[in-house]
Amino acid sequence: MPDNKKPSDKRLNPFIKFSSIALQMGLTIYLGSKLGEW
């Protein structure tokens, strides 16, 4: 059973990393567009 859980953790970690990076990118673009409006 533990062997089955390990791959899922490995698959989940990159997804969390990707989502966090995507969030940072979105925030940067959002802030950039907001500043561009000024």
N, C-alpha and C. Protein backbone atom coordinates (compact mmCIF):
# COMPACT_ATOMS: atom_id res chain seq x y z
N MET A 1 0.82 -1.21 0.00
CA MET A 1 0.00 0.00 0.00
C MET A 1 0.86 1.28 0.00
N PRO A 2 1.89 1.35 0.86
CA PRO A 2 2.72 2.57 0.86
C PRO A 2 3.36 2.83 -0.50
N ASP A 3 3.69 1.74 -1.22
CA ASP A 3 4.30 1.91 -2.54
C ASP A 3 3.34 2.61 -3.50
N ASN A 4 2.05 2.37 -3.31
CA ASN A 4 1.06 3.00 -4.18
C ASN A 4 0.93 4.49 -3.89
N LYS A 5 1.19 4.87 -2.65
CA LYS A 5 1.02 6.28 -2.27
C LYS A 5 2.20 7.13 -2.73
N LYS A 6 3.37 6.55 -2.76
CA LYS A 6 4.57 7.33 -3.11
C LYS A 6 4.48 7.95 -4.51
N PRO A 7 4.11 7.19 -5.54
CA PRO A 7 4.04 7.78 -6.89
C PRO A 7 3.06 8.95 -6.95
N SER A 8 1.96 8.85 -6.21
CA SER A 8 0.97 9.93 -6.24
C SER A 8 1.59 11.20 -5.65
N ASP A 9 2.39 11.04 -4.59
CA ASP A 9 3.04 12.20 -3.99
C ASP A 9 4.01 12.83 -4.99
N LYS A 10 4.74 11.98 -5.71
CA LYS A 10 5.69 12.49 -6.69
C LYS A 10 4.96 13.21 -7.82
N ARG A 11 3.79 12.71 -8.17
CA ARG A 11 3.02 13.34 -9.25
C ARG A 11 2.39 14.64 -8.76
N LEU A 12 2.07 14.71 -7.47
CA LEU A 12 1.39 15.88 -6.93
C LEU A 12 2.38 17.04 -6.75
N ASN A 13 3.60 16.73 -6.34
CA ASN A 13 4.57 17.79 -6.07
C ASN A 13 4.82 18.69 -7.28
N PRO A 14 5.14 18.14 -8.46
CA PRO A 14 5.35 19.00 -9.64
C PRO A 14 4.12 19.83 -9.95
N PHE A 15 2.94 19.29 -9.72
CA PHE A 15 1.71 20.03 -10.00
C PHE A 15 1.61 21.24 -9.08
N ILE A 16 1.95 21.04 -7.80
CA ILE A 16 1.92 22.16 -6.84
C ILE A 16 2.95 23.21 -7.26
N LYS A 17 4.13 22.75 -7.66
CA LYS A 17 5.17 23.69 -8.10
C LYS A 17 4.69 24.47 -9.31
N PHE A 18 4.09 23.76 -10.28
CA PHE A 18 3.61 24.41 -11.51
C PHE A 18 2.51 25.41 -11.20
N SER A 19 1.58 25.02 -10.32
CA SER A 19 0.46 25.92 -9.99
C SER A 19 0.98 27.16 -9.28
N SER A 20 1.95 27.00 -8.39
CA SER A 20 2.49 28.16 -7.67
C SER A 20 3.21 29.09 -8.64
N ILE A 21 3.97 28.51 -9.59
CA ILE A 21 4.66 29.32 -10.59
C ILE A 21 3.64 30.03 -11.47
N ALA A 22 2.59 29.29 -11.87
CA ALA A 22 1.56 29.89 -12.71
C ALA A 22 0.87 31.03 -11.96
N LEU A 23 0.65 30.85 -10.68
CA LEU A 23 0.02 31.91 -9.87
C LEU A 23 0.92 33.14 -9.84
N GLN A 24 2.21 32.93 -9.64
CA GLN A 24 3.15 34.05 -9.61
C GLN A 24 3.17 34.77 -10.95
N MET A 25 3.17 33.99 -12.04
CA MET A 25 3.17 34.59 -13.38
C MET A 25 1.90 35.42 -13.57
N GLY A 26 0.76 34.84 -13.19
CA GLY A 26 -0.52 35.55 -13.35
C GLY A 26 -0.53 36.83 -12.53
N LEU A 27 -0.02 36.76 -11.32
CA LEU A 27 0.01 37.95 -10.46
C LEU A 27 0.92 39.01 -11.07
N THR A 28 2.08 38.59 -11.59
CA THR A 28 3.00 39.55 -12.20
C THR A 28 2.37 40.21 -13.40
N ILE A 29 1.72 39.42 -14.26
CA ILE A 29 1.07 39.96 -15.45
C ILE A 29 -0.07 40.89 -15.04
N TYR A 30 -0.84 40.47 -14.03
CA TYR A 30 -1.97 41.28 -13.56
C TYR A 30 -1.47 42.62 -13.02
N LEU A 31 -0.42 42.56 -12.19
CA LEU A 31 0.13 43.80 -11.64
C LEU A 31 0.70 44.67 -12.75
N GLY A 32 1.36 44.04 -13.72
CA GLY A 32 1.94 44.78 -14.84
C GLY A 32 0.86 45.50 -15.63
N SER A 33 -0.24 44.83 -15.88
CA SER A 33 -1.33 45.46 -16.65
C SER A 33 -1.95 46.59 -15.83
N LYS A 34 -2.07 46.38 -14.53
CA LYS A 34 -2.64 47.42 -13.66
C LYS A 34 -1.73 48.65 -13.65
N LEU A 35 -0.42 48.41 -13.56
CA LEU A 35 0.52 49.52 -13.57
C LEU A 35 0.54 50.19 -14.94
N GLY A 36 0.36 49.39 -16.00
CA GLY A 36 0.35 49.95 -17.35
C GLY A 36 -0.83 50.89 -17.56
N GLU A 37 -1.93 50.64 -16.84
CA GLU A 37 -3.11 51.50 -16.98
C GLU A 37 -2.85 52.88 -16.40
N TRP A 38 -2.02 52.94 -15.35
CA TRP A 38 -1.77 54.23 -14.71
C TRP A 38 -1.14 55.22 -15.68
